[in-house]
């Protein structure tokens, strides 16, 4: 039998968040609203049935998504230290896998918005098992990548800290102790993945931000 994720609406008219970010417009309200949605999903009852078959199939799907993400983050520009960074992130994330609705491809192009509405679309990769830190970290990593291009890094890093703390506050009592570390780990891995097509000099600049994230947040 086929299974469907039924949404309440077909969609909204408007631009993607990626379009807004590419124009240098960083909307704090949008990011905060998506963060509220993710926190609510974290606290909600888990789906009764798997999307890809039974529970083991959904777990396998999540592990495949994670493997593909970490593989895309590897580059000939960096050394064994970053391989260890990605290896540890994988171990931490798999150990934190939980039964809940996860998008698994949450990025700005999959967020549509107009003046007063937001829609999260393209749920084809979603699962009932995963690490919610992956969704939040991947989205914030894309956000930071656009900020680096627009030279607005300092203000966006402050916003990212605010968003992560807000998620913690919204899930108090249920958020695991290593969640914040994994969010920043996935911010770093997403930056590495997005930077693969940059010139070496630009990629090295990106590496500096990943090292800062690792030393300040991820290693703690």
N, C-alpha and C. Protein backbone atom coordinates (compact mmCIF):
# COMPACT_ATOMS: atom_id res chain seq x y z
N UNK A 1 0.83 -1.19 0.00
CA UNK A 1 0.00 0.00 0.00
C UNK A 1 0.87 1.25 0.00
N UNK A 2 0.46 2.23 -0.78
CA UNK A 2 1.18 3.49 -0.80
C UNK A 2 0.80 4.32 0.42
N UNK A 3 1.78 5.08 0.92
CA UNK A 3 1.53 5.95 2.06
C UNK A 3 1.80 7.39 1.65
N UNK A 4 0.99 8.28 2.17
CA UNK A 4 1.10 9.68 1.77
C UNK A 4 1.18 10.56 3.01
N UNK A 5 2.00 11.61 2.91
CA UNK A 5 2.02 12.65 3.93
C UNK A 5 1.08 13.74 3.46
N UNK A 6 -0.05 13.92 4.13
CA UNK A 6 -1.08 14.84 3.68
C UNK A 6 -0.87 16.19 4.33
N UNK A 7 -0.74 17.23 3.51
CA UNK A 7 -0.58 18.59 4.00
C UNK A 7 -1.93 19.28 3.98
N UNK A 8 -2.07 20.30 4.78
CA UNK A 8 -3.35 20.98 4.89
C UNK A 8 -3.61 21.91 3.72
N UNK A 9 -2.56 22.32 3.02
CA UNK A 9 -2.73 23.20 1.87
C UNK A 9 -1.78 22.78 0.76
N UNK A 10 -2.12 23.12 -0.46
CA UNK A 10 -1.26 22.79 -1.58
C UNK A 10 -0.02 23.67 -1.63
N UNK A 11 -0.13 24.88 -1.13
CA UNK A 11 1.03 25.76 -1.15
C UNK A 11 0.61 27.22 -1.10
N UNK A 12 1.58 28.10 -1.15
CA UNK A 12 1.31 29.53 -1.12
C UNK A 12 2.02 30.19 -2.28
N UNK A 13 1.54 31.34 -2.65
CA UNK A 13 2.21 32.12 -3.69
C UNK A 13 3.30 32.94 -3.03
N UNK A 14 4.47 32.98 -3.64
CA UNK A 14 5.55 33.76 -3.08
C UNK A 14 6.90 33.24 -3.52
N UNK A 15 7.96 33.84 -3.01
CA UNK A 15 9.32 33.46 -3.35
C UNK A 15 9.85 32.45 -2.34
N UNK A 16 10.89 31.74 -2.74
CA UNK A 16 11.57 30.87 -1.79
C UNK A 16 12.48 31.71 -0.89
N UNK A 17 12.79 31.16 0.26
CA UNK A 17 13.73 31.82 1.16
C UNK A 17 15.09 31.95 0.49
N UNK A 18 15.46 30.99 -0.34
CA UNK A 18 16.73 31.07 -1.06
C UNK A 18 16.81 32.32 -1.93
N UNK A 19 15.69 32.66 -2.58
CA UNK A 19 15.64 33.86 -3.41
C UNK A 19 15.88 35.11 -2.57
N UNK A 20 15.26 35.15 -1.40
CA UNK A 20 15.43 36.32 -0.52
C UNK A 20 16.87 36.41 -0.02
N UNK A 21 17.44 35.27 0.35
CA UNK A 21 18.80 35.28 0.86
C UNK A 21 19.80 35.67 -0.22
N UNK A 22 19.56 35.24 -1.46
CA UNK A 22 20.47 35.57 -2.56
C UNK A 22 20.48 37.07 -2.84
N UNK A 23 19.43 37.76 -2.44
CA UNK A 23 19.36 39.21 -2.59
C UNK A 23 19.90 39.95 -1.37
N UNK A 24 20.42 39.18 -0.39
CA UNK A 24 21.01 39.79 0.79
C UNK A 24 20.01 40.16 1.86
N UNK A 25 18.79 39.59 1.76
CA UNK A 25 17.74 39.91 2.74
C UNK A 25 17.61 38.75 3.71
N UNK A 26 18.03 38.95 4.95
CA UNK A 26 18.03 37.91 5.97
C UNK A 26 16.88 38.16 6.95
N UNK A 27 15.81 37.43 6.76
CA UNK A 27 14.59 37.66 7.52
C UNK A 27 14.61 36.85 8.81
N UNK A 28 14.81 37.52 9.92
CA UNK A 28 14.85 36.85 11.21
C UNK A 28 13.52 36.19 11.56
N UNK A 29 12.42 36.84 11.20
CA UNK A 29 11.10 36.31 11.54
C UNK A 29 10.88 34.94 10.89
N UNK A 30 11.28 34.81 9.64
CA UNK A 30 11.10 33.53 8.93
C UNK A 30 11.87 32.42 9.64
N UNK A 31 13.13 32.68 9.96
CA UNK A 31 13.95 31.67 10.60
C UNK A 31 13.38 31.29 11.97
N UNK A 32 12.88 32.27 12.68
CA UNK A 32 12.30 32.00 14.00
C UNK A 32 11.03 31.16 13.89
N UNK A 33 10.21 31.43 12.87
CA UNK A 33 8.98 30.66 12.69
C UNK A 33 9.28 29.21 12.31
N UNK A 34 10.25 29.00 11.44
CA UNK A 34 10.64 27.64 11.08
C UNK A 34 11.20 26.92 12.30
N UNK A 35 11.94 27.64 13.13
CA UNK A 35 12.48 27.05 14.35
C UNK A 35 11.37 26.61 15.30
N UNK A 36 10.31 27.40 15.40
CA UNK A 36 9.16 27.02 16.22
C UNK A 36 8.53 25.74 15.70
N UNK A 37 8.40 25.64 14.37
CA UNK A 37 7.85 24.42 13.76
C UNK A 37 8.71 23.20 14.11
N UNK A 38 10.02 23.35 14.02
CA UNK A 38 10.92 22.23 14.33
C UNK A 38 10.82 21.83 15.80
N UNK A 39 10.74 22.83 16.68
CA UNK A 39 10.61 22.54 18.11
C UNK A 39 9.28 21.83 18.40
N UNK A 40 8.21 22.26 17.74
CA UNK A 40 6.91 21.61 17.93
C UNK A 40 6.95 20.17 17.43
N UNK A 41 7.64 19.95 16.31
CA UNK A 41 7.78 18.59 15.77
C UNK A 41 8.55 17.71 16.75
N UNK A 42 9.54 18.29 17.41
CA UNK A 42 10.36 17.55 18.36
C UNK A 42 9.52 17.07 19.54
N UNK A 43 8.57 17.92 19.97
CA UNK A 43 7.74 17.58 21.13
C UNK A 43 6.53 16.74 20.78
N UNK A 44 6.17 16.69 19.49
CA UNK A 44 4.92 16.03 19.09
C UNK A 44 5.02 14.51 19.18
N UNK A 45 3.86 13.86 19.20
CA UNK A 45 3.83 12.41 19.14
C UNK A 45 4.42 11.94 17.82
N UNK A 46 5.15 10.85 17.87
CA UNK A 46 5.79 10.37 16.64
C UNK A 46 4.77 9.72 15.72
N UNK A 47 5.05 9.75 14.41
CA UNK A 47 4.13 9.12 13.45
C UNK A 47 3.93 7.63 13.75
N UNK A 48 2.72 7.16 13.52
CA UNK A 48 2.39 5.77 13.86
C UNK A 48 3.05 4.78 12.91
N UNK A 49 3.22 5.15 11.66
CA UNK A 49 3.75 4.22 10.67
C UNK A 49 4.94 4.83 9.94
N UNK A 50 5.79 3.97 9.43
CA UNK A 50 6.94 4.43 8.67
C UNK A 50 6.55 4.95 7.30
N UNK A 51 7.39 5.80 6.73
CA UNK A 51 7.16 6.34 5.39
C UNK A 51 7.74 5.44 4.31
N UNK A 52 8.77 4.67 4.65
CA UNK A 52 9.50 3.90 3.65
C UNK A 52 9.30 2.39 3.81
N UNK A 53 8.35 2.02 4.63
CA UNK A 53 8.09 0.61 4.92
C UNK A 53 7.87 0.47 6.40
N UNK A 54 8.63 -0.38 7.06
CA UNK A 54 8.52 -0.48 8.51
C UNK A 54 9.56 0.42 9.18
N UNK A 55 9.68 0.31 10.49
CA UNK A 55 10.58 1.19 11.23
C UNK A 55 12.03 1.03 10.77
N UNK A 56 12.44 -0.19 10.52
CA UNK A 56 13.84 -0.42 10.11
C UNK A 56 14.13 0.22 8.77
N UNK A 57 13.12 0.25 7.88
CA UNK A 57 13.31 0.89 6.57
C UNK A 57 13.52 2.39 6.73
N UNK A 58 12.74 3.01 7.63
CA UNK A 58 12.90 4.45 7.87
C UNK A 58 14.25 4.76 8.50
N UNK A 59 14.70 3.89 9.39
CA UNK A 59 16.03 4.08 9.99
C UNK A 59 17.12 3.97 8.92
N UNK A 60 16.98 2.98 8.04
CA UNK A 60 17.95 2.81 6.95
C UNK A 60 17.96 4.03 6.03
N UNK A 61 16.78 4.57 5.75
CA UNK A 61 16.68 5.76 4.89
C UNK A 61 17.42 6.93 5.53
N UNK A 62 17.20 7.14 6.82
CA UNK A 62 17.87 8.22 7.53
C UNK A 62 19.40 8.02 7.50
N UNK A 63 19.86 6.83 7.73
CA UNK A 63 21.30 6.58 7.72
C UNK A 63 21.90 6.83 6.33
N UNK A 64 21.15 6.51 5.30
CA UNK A 64 21.62 6.78 3.94
C UNK A 64 21.73 8.28 3.68
N UNK A 65 20.71 9.03 4.10
CA UNK A 65 20.74 10.49 3.96
C UNK A 65 21.95 11.07 4.69
N UNK A 66 22.19 10.59 5.91
CA UNK A 66 23.32 11.08 6.69
C UNK A 66 24.64 10.77 6.01
N UNK A 67 24.79 9.54 5.51
CA UNK A 67 26.02 9.15 4.80
C UNK A 67 26.25 10.04 3.58
N UNK A 68 25.21 10.30 2.81
CA UNK A 68 25.34 11.12 1.60
C UNK A 68 25.74 12.55 1.97
N UNK A 69 25.15 13.06 3.04
CA UNK A 69 25.48 14.43 3.47
C UNK A 69 26.95 14.53 3.86
N UNK A 70 27.40 13.60 4.69
CA UNK A 70 28.79 13.66 5.16
C UNK A 70 29.77 13.41 4.03
N UNK A 71 29.40 12.57 3.09
CA UNK A 71 30.25 12.34 1.92
C UNK A 71 30.39 13.61 1.10
N UNK A 72 29.29 14.35 0.95
CA UNK A 72 29.33 15.59 0.17
C UNK A 72 30.17 16.67 0.85
N UNK A 73 30.40 16.52 2.16
CA UNK A 73 31.17 17.52 2.91
C UNK A 73 32.67 17.29 2.81
N UNK A 74 33.07 16.12 2.34
CA UNK A 74 34.50 15.82 2.26
C UNK A 74 35.11 16.51 1.04
N UNK A 75 36.34 16.97 1.20
CA UNK A 75 37.00 17.71 0.13
C UNK A 75 38.49 17.41 0.13
N UNK A 76 39.10 17.50 -1.05
CA UNK A 76 40.55 17.32 -1.15
C UNK A 76 41.30 18.52 -0.58
N UNK A 77 40.55 19.60 -0.21
CA UNK A 77 41.20 20.80 0.32
C UNK A 77 41.56 20.67 1.79
N UNK A 78 40.95 19.72 2.53
CA UNK A 78 41.25 19.68 3.96
C UNK A 78 41.83 18.33 4.37
N UNK A 79 42.28 18.25 5.61
CA UNK A 79 43.11 17.14 6.06
C UNK A 79 42.34 16.15 6.94
N UNK A 80 43.10 15.27 7.58
CA UNK A 80 42.50 14.21 8.38
C UNK A 80 41.70 14.75 9.57
N UNK A 81 42.05 15.94 10.03
CA UNK A 81 41.33 16.51 11.17
C UNK A 81 39.85 16.70 10.85
N UNK A 82 39.55 17.10 9.63
CA UNK A 82 38.15 17.29 9.26
C UNK A 82 37.45 15.95 9.01
N UNK A 83 38.19 14.96 8.57
CA UNK A 83 37.62 13.62 8.46
C UNK A 83 37.17 13.12 9.82
N UNK A 84 37.99 13.39 10.84
CA UNK A 84 37.64 13.00 12.21
C UNK A 84 36.42 13.79 12.69
N UNK A 85 36.38 15.05 12.36
CA UNK A 85 35.22 15.92 12.68
C UNK A 85 33.93 15.29 12.14
N UNK A 86 33.96 14.86 10.88
CA UNK A 86 32.77 14.27 10.25
C UNK A 86 32.48 12.88 10.82
N UNK A 87 33.52 12.13 11.13
CA UNK A 87 33.31 10.80 11.71
C UNK A 87 32.63 10.89 13.06
N UNK A 88 33.10 11.80 13.91
CA UNK A 88 32.50 11.98 15.23
C UNK A 88 31.05 12.46 15.11
N UNK A 89 30.81 13.33 14.15
CA UNK A 89 29.46 13.83 13.95
C UNK A 89 28.51 12.68 13.58
N UNK A 90 28.97 11.80 12.74
CA UNK A 90 28.16 10.64 12.35
C UNK A 90 27.83 9.77 13.56
N UNK A 91 28.84 9.47 14.37
CA UNK A 91 28.63 8.63 15.54
C UNK A 91 27.64 9.28 16.51
N UNK A 92 27.84 10.57 16.78
CA UNK A 92 26.95 11.28 17.69
C UNK A 92 25.51 11.30 17.18
N UNK A 93 25.36 11.55 15.89
CA UNK A 93 24.03 11.70 15.32
C UNK A 93 23.29 10.37 15.28
N UNK A 94 23.97 9.30 14.91
CA UNK A 94 23.31 7.99 14.87
C UNK A 94 22.89 7.55 16.27
N UNK A 95 23.70 7.87 17.27
CA UNK A 95 23.35 7.49 18.64
C UNK A 95 22.17 8.31 19.16
N UNK A 96 21.93 9.47 18.55
CA UNK A 96 20.83 10.34 18.98
C UNK A 96 19.57 10.18 18.12
N UNK A 97 19.59 9.24 17.18
CA UNK A 97 18.43 9.03 16.31
C UNK A 97 17.18 8.78 17.15
N UNK A 98 16.09 9.44 16.77
CA UNK A 98 14.84 9.29 17.51
C UNK A 98 13.67 9.13 16.56
N UNK A 99 12.56 8.65 17.10
CA UNK A 99 11.36 8.39 16.32
C UNK A 99 10.51 9.66 16.30
N UNK A 100 10.59 10.41 15.22
CA UNK A 100 9.81 11.62 15.05
C UNK A 100 9.81 12.02 13.57
N UNK A 101 8.95 12.94 13.21
CA UNK A 101 8.92 13.44 11.84
C UNK A 101 10.14 14.33 11.59
N UNK A 102 10.93 13.99 10.59
CA UNK A 102 12.08 14.80 10.19
C UNK A 102 12.02 15.04 8.69
N UNK A 103 12.43 16.22 8.27
CA UNK A 103 12.36 16.60 6.86
C UNK A 103 13.54 16.00 6.08
N UNK A 104 14.74 16.17 6.61
CA UNK A 104 16.00 15.62 6.08
C UNK A 104 16.52 16.31 4.82
N UNK A 105 15.84 17.33 4.35
CA UNK A 105 16.39 18.16 3.26
C UNK A 105 15.95 19.60 3.45
N UNK A 106 16.01 20.05 4.69
CA UNK A 106 15.51 21.38 5.03
C UNK A 106 16.56 22.42 4.66
N UNK A 107 16.27 23.18 3.63
CA UNK A 107 17.16 24.23 3.16
C UNK A 107 16.31 25.36 2.58
N UNK A 108 16.91 26.54 2.39
CA UNK A 108 16.12 27.72 2.00
C UNK A 108 15.26 27.55 0.75
N UNK A 109 15.70 26.79 -0.23
CA UNK A 109 14.89 26.65 -1.44
C UNK A 109 13.62 25.84 -1.20
N UNK A 110 13.52 25.17 -0.07
CA UNK A 110 12.34 24.39 0.26
C UNK A 110 11.44 25.11 1.26
N UNK A 111 11.69 26.40 1.44
CA UNK A 111 10.84 27.23 2.30
C UNK A 111 10.26 28.35 1.46
N UNK A 112 8.96 28.35 1.30
CA UNK A 112 8.28 29.37 0.51
C UNK A 112 7.63 30.37 1.44
N UNK A 113 7.61 31.63 1.01
CA UNK A 113 7.03 32.65 1.89
C UNK A 113 6.49 33.82 1.08
N UNK A 114 5.48 34.44 1.68
CA UNK A 114 5.02 35.74 1.21
C UNK A 114 4.99 36.67 2.42
N UNK A 115 4.16 37.67 2.41
CA UNK A 115 4.21 38.67 3.48
C UNK A 115 3.88 38.11 4.86
N UNK A 116 2.98 37.13 4.93
CA UNK A 116 2.55 36.67 6.25
C UNK A 116 2.39 35.15 6.36
N UNK A 117 2.91 34.39 5.41
CA UNK A 117 2.79 32.95 5.45
C UNK A 117 4.11 32.29 5.09
N UNK A 118 4.32 31.09 5.66
CA UNK A 118 5.50 30.30 5.38
C UNK A 118 5.04 28.88 5.08
N UNK A 119 5.64 28.26 4.08
CA UNK A 119 5.36 26.86 3.78
C UNK A 119 6.66 26.11 3.62
N UNK A 120 6.77 24.97 4.28
CA UNK A 120 7.91 24.07 4.11
C UNK A 120 7.48 22.99 3.12
N UNK A 121 8.19 22.88 2.02
CA UNK A 121 7.78 21.99 0.92
C UNK A 121 8.85 20.93 0.64
N UNK A 122 8.55 20.09 -0.35
CA UNK A 122 9.49 19.05 -0.80
C UNK A 122 9.88 18.10 0.33
N UNK A 123 8.89 17.32 0.75
CA UNK A 123 9.09 16.36 1.84
C UNK A 123 9.48 14.98 1.33
N UNK A 124 9.95 14.88 0.10
CA UNK A 124 10.24 13.57 -0.49
C UNK A 124 11.30 12.78 0.26
N UNK A 125 12.19 13.48 0.97
CA UNK A 125 13.27 12.80 1.70
C UNK A 125 12.92 12.53 3.15
N UNK A 126 11.74 12.92 3.60
CA UNK A 126 11.40 12.87 5.02
C UNK A 126 11.31 11.43 5.53
N UNK A 127 11.32 11.31 6.85
CA UNK A 127 11.30 10.01 7.48
C UNK A 127 10.68 10.14 8.87
N UNK A 128 10.40 8.99 9.46
CA UNK A 128 9.92 8.99 10.85
C UNK A 128 11.04 8.67 11.82
N UNK A 129 12.26 8.57 11.32
CA UNK A 129 13.44 8.41 12.17
C UNK A 129 14.53 9.35 11.67
N UNK A 130 15.25 9.93 12.62
CA UNK A 130 16.34 10.80 12.26
C UNK A 130 16.82 11.58 13.46
N UNK A 131 17.74 12.47 13.21
CA UNK A 131 18.28 13.36 14.25
C UNK A 131 17.77 14.77 13.95
N UNK A 132 16.91 15.33 14.81
CA UNK A 132 16.39 16.68 14.55
C UNK A 132 17.48 17.74 14.46
N UNK A 133 18.64 17.47 15.05
CA UNK A 133 19.76 18.41 14.92
C UNK A 133 20.21 18.54 13.48
N UNK A 134 19.98 17.50 12.68
CA UNK A 134 20.34 17.53 11.27
C UNK A 134 19.50 18.56 10.53
N UNK A 135 18.18 18.55 10.74
CA UNK A 135 17.31 19.52 10.07
C UNK A 135 17.70 20.96 10.43
N UNK A 136 17.84 21.22 11.72
CA UNK A 136 18.15 22.59 12.15
C UNK A 136 19.55 23.00 11.70
N UNK A 137 20.53 22.11 11.85
CA UNK A 137 21.90 22.44 11.47
C UNK A 137 22.06 22.67 9.98
N UNK A 138 21.37 21.85 9.17
CA UNK A 138 21.48 22.02 7.72
C UNK A 138 20.87 23.35 7.29
N UNK A 139 19.71 23.70 7.85
CA UNK A 139 19.09 24.98 7.50
C UNK A 139 19.98 26.15 7.92
N UNK A 140 20.50 26.12 9.14
CA UNK A 140 21.34 27.22 9.62
C UNK A 140 22.66 27.28 8.86
N UNK A 141 23.16 26.13 8.42
CA UNK A 141 24.38 26.12 7.61
C UNK A 141 24.17 26.83 6.29
N UNK A 142 23.03 26.59 5.64
CA UNK A 142 22.72 27.30 4.40
C UNK A 142 22.59 28.81 4.68
N UNK A 143 21.93 29.14 5.77
CA UNK A 143 21.75 30.55 6.13
C UNK A 143 23.10 31.24 6.29
N UNK A 144 24.01 30.56 7.00
CA UNK A 144 25.33 31.14 7.24
C UNK A 144 26.13 31.23 5.94
N UNK A 145 25.98 30.26 5.05
CA UNK A 145 26.69 30.29 3.77
C UNK A 145 26.30 31.55 2.98
N UNK A 146 25.00 31.85 2.93
CA UNK A 146 24.56 33.07 2.26
C UNK A 146 25.12 34.31 2.97
N UNK A 147 25.17 34.27 4.30
CA UNK A 147 25.67 35.42 5.05
C UNK A 147 27.15 35.67 4.77
N UNK A 148 27.93 34.59 4.62
CA UNK A 148 29.35 34.74 4.30
C UNK A 148 29.51 35.41 2.94
N UNK A 149 28.70 35.00 1.97
CA UNK A 149 28.76 35.60 0.64
C UNK A 149 28.40 37.09 0.69
N UNK A 150 27.45 37.43 1.58
CA UNK A 150 26.98 38.81 1.68
C UNK A 150 27.77 39.63 2.69
N UNK A 151 28.79 39.01 3.31
CA UNK A 151 29.63 39.67 4.32
C UNK A 151 28.79 40.19 5.48
N UNK A 152 27.85 39.35 5.93
CA UNK A 152 27.03 39.68 7.09
C UNK A 152 27.19 38.61 8.17
N UNK A 153 28.38 38.05 8.25
CA UNK A 153 28.60 36.87 9.08
C UNK A 153 28.38 37.14 10.56
N UNK A 154 28.90 38.24 11.08
CA UNK A 154 28.86 38.48 12.52
C UNK A 154 27.42 38.55 13.04
N UNK A 155 26.57 39.29 12.36
CA UNK A 155 25.19 39.43 12.82
C UNK A 155 24.43 38.12 12.69
N UNK A 156 24.71 37.35 11.63
CA UNK A 156 24.00 36.08 11.42
C UNK A 156 24.47 35.03 12.42
N UNK A 157 25.75 35.04 12.80
CA UNK A 157 26.21 34.12 13.83
C UNK A 157 25.49 34.38 15.15
N UNK A 158 25.26 35.65 15.46
CA UNK A 158 24.50 35.99 16.67
C UNK A 158 23.06 35.48 16.57
N UNK A 159 22.46 35.62 15.38
CA UNK A 159 21.11 35.12 15.16
C UNK A 159 21.06 33.60 15.30
N UNK A 160 22.06 32.92 14.77
CA UNK A 160 22.11 31.46 14.87
C UNK A 160 22.17 31.02 16.33
N UNK A 161 23.00 31.69 17.13
CA UNK A 161 23.05 31.37 18.56
C UNK A 161 21.69 31.56 19.20
N UNK A 162 21.01 32.63 18.84
CA UNK A 162 19.68 32.92 19.38
C UNK A 162 18.68 31.82 18.99
N UNK A 163 18.74 31.37 17.74
CA UNK A 163 17.82 30.34 17.25
C UNK A 163 18.05 29.02 17.99
N UNK A 164 19.31 28.62 18.15
CA UNK A 164 19.62 27.36 18.82
C UNK A 164 19.17 27.40 20.27
N UNK A 165 19.40 28.52 20.94
CA UNK A 165 18.95 28.66 22.33
C UNK A 165 17.43 28.64 22.43
N UNK A 166 16.77 29.23 21.45
CA UNK A 166 15.30 29.23 21.44
C UNK A 166 14.76 27.81 21.26
N UNK A 167 15.42 27.01 20.43
CA UNK A 167 15.01 25.61 20.27
C UNK A 167 15.16 24.87 21.59
N UNK A 168 16.27 25.09 22.26
CA UNK A 168 16.48 24.45 23.56
C UNK A 168 15.38 24.84 24.55
N UNK A 169 15.04 26.12 24.59
CA UNK A 169 14.01 26.60 25.50
C UNK A 169 12.65 26.00 25.17
N UNK A 170 12.39 25.83 23.85
CA UNK A 170 11.11 25.29 23.42
C UNK A 170 10.97 23.81 23.62
N UNK A 171 12.09 23.13 23.90
CA UNK A 171 12.06 21.68 24.08
C UNK A 171 12.64 21.30 25.44
N UNK A 172 12.56 22.20 26.40
CA UNK A 172 13.17 21.97 27.71
C UNK A 172 12.61 20.68 28.32
N UNK A 173 13.51 19.89 28.86
CA UNK A 173 13.11 18.63 29.46
C UNK A 173 13.14 17.45 28.51
N UNK A 174 13.20 17.73 27.21
CA UNK A 174 13.22 16.65 26.22
C UNK A 174 14.45 16.70 25.32
N UNK A 175 15.05 17.86 25.18
CA UNK A 175 16.21 18.02 24.30
C UNK A 175 17.44 17.36 24.93
N UNK A 176 18.11 16.45 24.21
CA UNK A 176 19.25 15.74 24.78
C UNK A 176 20.44 16.66 24.97
N UNK A 177 21.36 16.26 25.84
CA UNK A 177 22.45 17.13 26.26
C UNK A 177 23.42 17.47 25.14
N UNK A 178 23.50 16.63 24.11
CA UNK A 178 24.48 16.81 23.03
C UNK A 178 23.87 17.50 21.81
N UNK A 179 22.62 17.93 21.93
CA UNK A 179 21.90 18.46 20.77
C UNK A 179 22.59 19.68 20.17
N UNK A 180 22.95 20.64 21.00
CA UNK A 180 23.56 21.88 20.51
C UNK A 180 24.86 21.59 19.77
N UNK A 181 25.67 20.71 20.33
CA UNK A 181 26.94 20.35 19.68
C UNK A 181 26.68 19.79 18.28
N UNK A 182 25.67 18.94 18.14
CA UNK A 182 25.39 18.35 16.83
C UNK A 182 24.84 19.38 15.86
N UNK A 183 24.03 20.30 16.33
CA UNK A 183 23.53 21.37 15.44
C UNK A 183 24.70 22.12 14.83
N UNK A 184 25.65 22.53 15.67
CA UNK A 184 26.80 23.26 15.15
C UNK A 184 27.68 22.36 14.29
N UNK A 185 27.74 21.08 14.62
CA UNK A 185 28.46 20.15 13.77
C UNK A 185 27.88 20.10 12.37
N UNK A 186 26.54 20.07 12.28
CA UNK A 186 25.89 20.03 10.97
C UNK A 186 25.93 21.40 10.26
N UNK A 187 26.01 22.48 11.01
CA UNK A 187 26.25 23.78 10.37
C UNK A 187 27.60 23.73 9.66
N UNK A 188 28.61 23.22 10.34
CA UNK A 188 29.94 23.12 9.74
C UNK A 188 29.98 22.19 8.55
N UNK A 189 29.35 21.01 8.67
CA UNK A 189 29.38 20.05 7.55
C UNK A 189 28.60 20.59 6.36
N UNK A 190 27.55 21.35 6.61
CA UNK A 190 26.78 21.95 5.51
C UNK A 190 27.60 23.01 4.79
N UNK A 191 28.34 23.81 5.55
CA UNK A 191 29.24 24.79 4.92
C UNK A 191 30.27 24.09 4.04
N UNK A 192 30.83 23.00 4.53
CA UNK A 192 31.81 22.26 3.75
C UNK A 192 31.19 21.71 2.47
N UNK A 193 29.98 21.21 2.58
CA UNK A 193 29.29 20.66 1.41
C UNK A 193 29.00 21.75 0.38
N UNK A 194 28.52 22.89 0.84
CA UNK A 194 28.17 23.98 -0.07
C UNK A 194 29.41 24.62 -0.70
N UNK A 195 30.54 24.48 -0.04
CA UNK A 195 31.75 25.13 -0.54
C UNK A 195 32.53 24.33 -1.56
N UNK A 196 32.05 23.14 -1.92
CA UNK A 196 32.82 22.27 -2.82
C UNK A 196 33.11 22.91 -4.18
N UNK A 197 32.24 23.79 -4.65
CA UNK A 197 32.41 24.36 -5.98
C UNK A 197 33.07 25.75 -5.94
N UNK A 198 33.51 26.16 -4.76
CA UNK A 198 34.21 27.44 -4.66
C UNK A 198 35.66 27.29 -5.09
N UNK A 199 36.29 28.39 -5.41
CA UNK A 199 37.72 28.39 -5.67
C UNK A 199 38.46 28.06 -4.37
N UNK A 200 39.68 27.57 -4.52
CA UNK A 200 40.41 27.14 -3.33
C UNK A 200 40.57 28.26 -2.31
N UNK A 201 40.84 29.47 -2.76
CA UNK A 201 41.01 30.59 -1.83
C UNK A 201 39.72 30.89 -1.08
N UNK A 202 38.58 30.80 -1.78
CA UNK A 202 37.29 31.02 -1.13
C UNK A 202 36.96 29.88 -0.18
N UNK A 203 37.30 28.66 -0.58
CA UNK A 203 37.03 27.50 0.27
C UNK A 203 37.84 27.59 1.56
N UNK A 204 39.07 28.05 1.46
CA UNK A 204 39.90 28.18 2.66
C UNK A 204 39.31 29.21 3.62
N UNK A 205 38.69 30.26 3.06
CA UNK A 205 38.00 31.23 3.92
C UNK A 205 36.83 30.55 4.63
N UNK A 206 36.13 29.69 3.91
CA UNK A 206 35.02 28.95 4.50
C UNK A 206 35.51 28.03 5.61
N UNK A 207 36.66 27.40 5.37
CA UNK A 207 37.26 26.50 6.36
C UNK A 207 37.50 27.24 7.67
N UNK A 208 37.90 28.50 7.58
CA UNK A 208 38.16 29.29 8.79
C UNK A 208 36.90 29.39 9.65
N UNK A 209 35.74 29.56 9.01
CA UNK A 209 34.49 29.63 9.76
C UNK A 209 34.14 28.28 10.38
N UNK A 210 34.41 27.21 9.64
CA UNK A 210 34.13 25.87 10.18
C UNK A 210 35.02 25.59 11.38
N UNK A 211 36.28 25.98 11.30
CA UNK A 211 37.20 25.79 12.43
C UNK A 211 36.72 26.59 13.64
N UNK A 212 36.24 27.80 13.41
CA UNK A 212 35.73 28.61 14.50
C UNK A 212 34.52 27.94 15.15
N UNK A 213 33.64 27.42 14.32
CA UNK A 213 32.47 26.71 14.85
C UNK A 213 32.90 25.49 15.66
N UNK A 214 33.87 24.74 15.12
CA UNK A 214 34.34 23.54 15.80
C UNK A 214 34.95 23.85 17.15
N UNK A 215 35.80 24.87 17.19
CA UNK A 215 36.51 25.20 18.42
C UNK A 215 35.57 25.85 19.46
N UNK A 216 34.62 26.66 18.99
CA UNK A 216 33.76 27.41 19.90
C UNK A 216 32.58 26.60 20.39
N UNK A 217 31.98 25.80 19.49
CA UNK A 217 30.71 25.13 19.84
C UNK A 217 30.79 23.60 19.78
N UNK A 218 31.32 23.09 18.68
CA UNK A 218 31.18 21.66 18.42
C UNK A 218 32.00 20.80 19.38
N UNK A 219 33.18 21.26 19.74
CA UNK A 219 34.07 20.46 20.59
C UNK A 219 33.68 20.49 22.05
N UNK A 220 32.77 21.40 22.42
CA UNK A 220 32.39 21.54 23.83
C UNK A 220 31.41 20.44 24.24
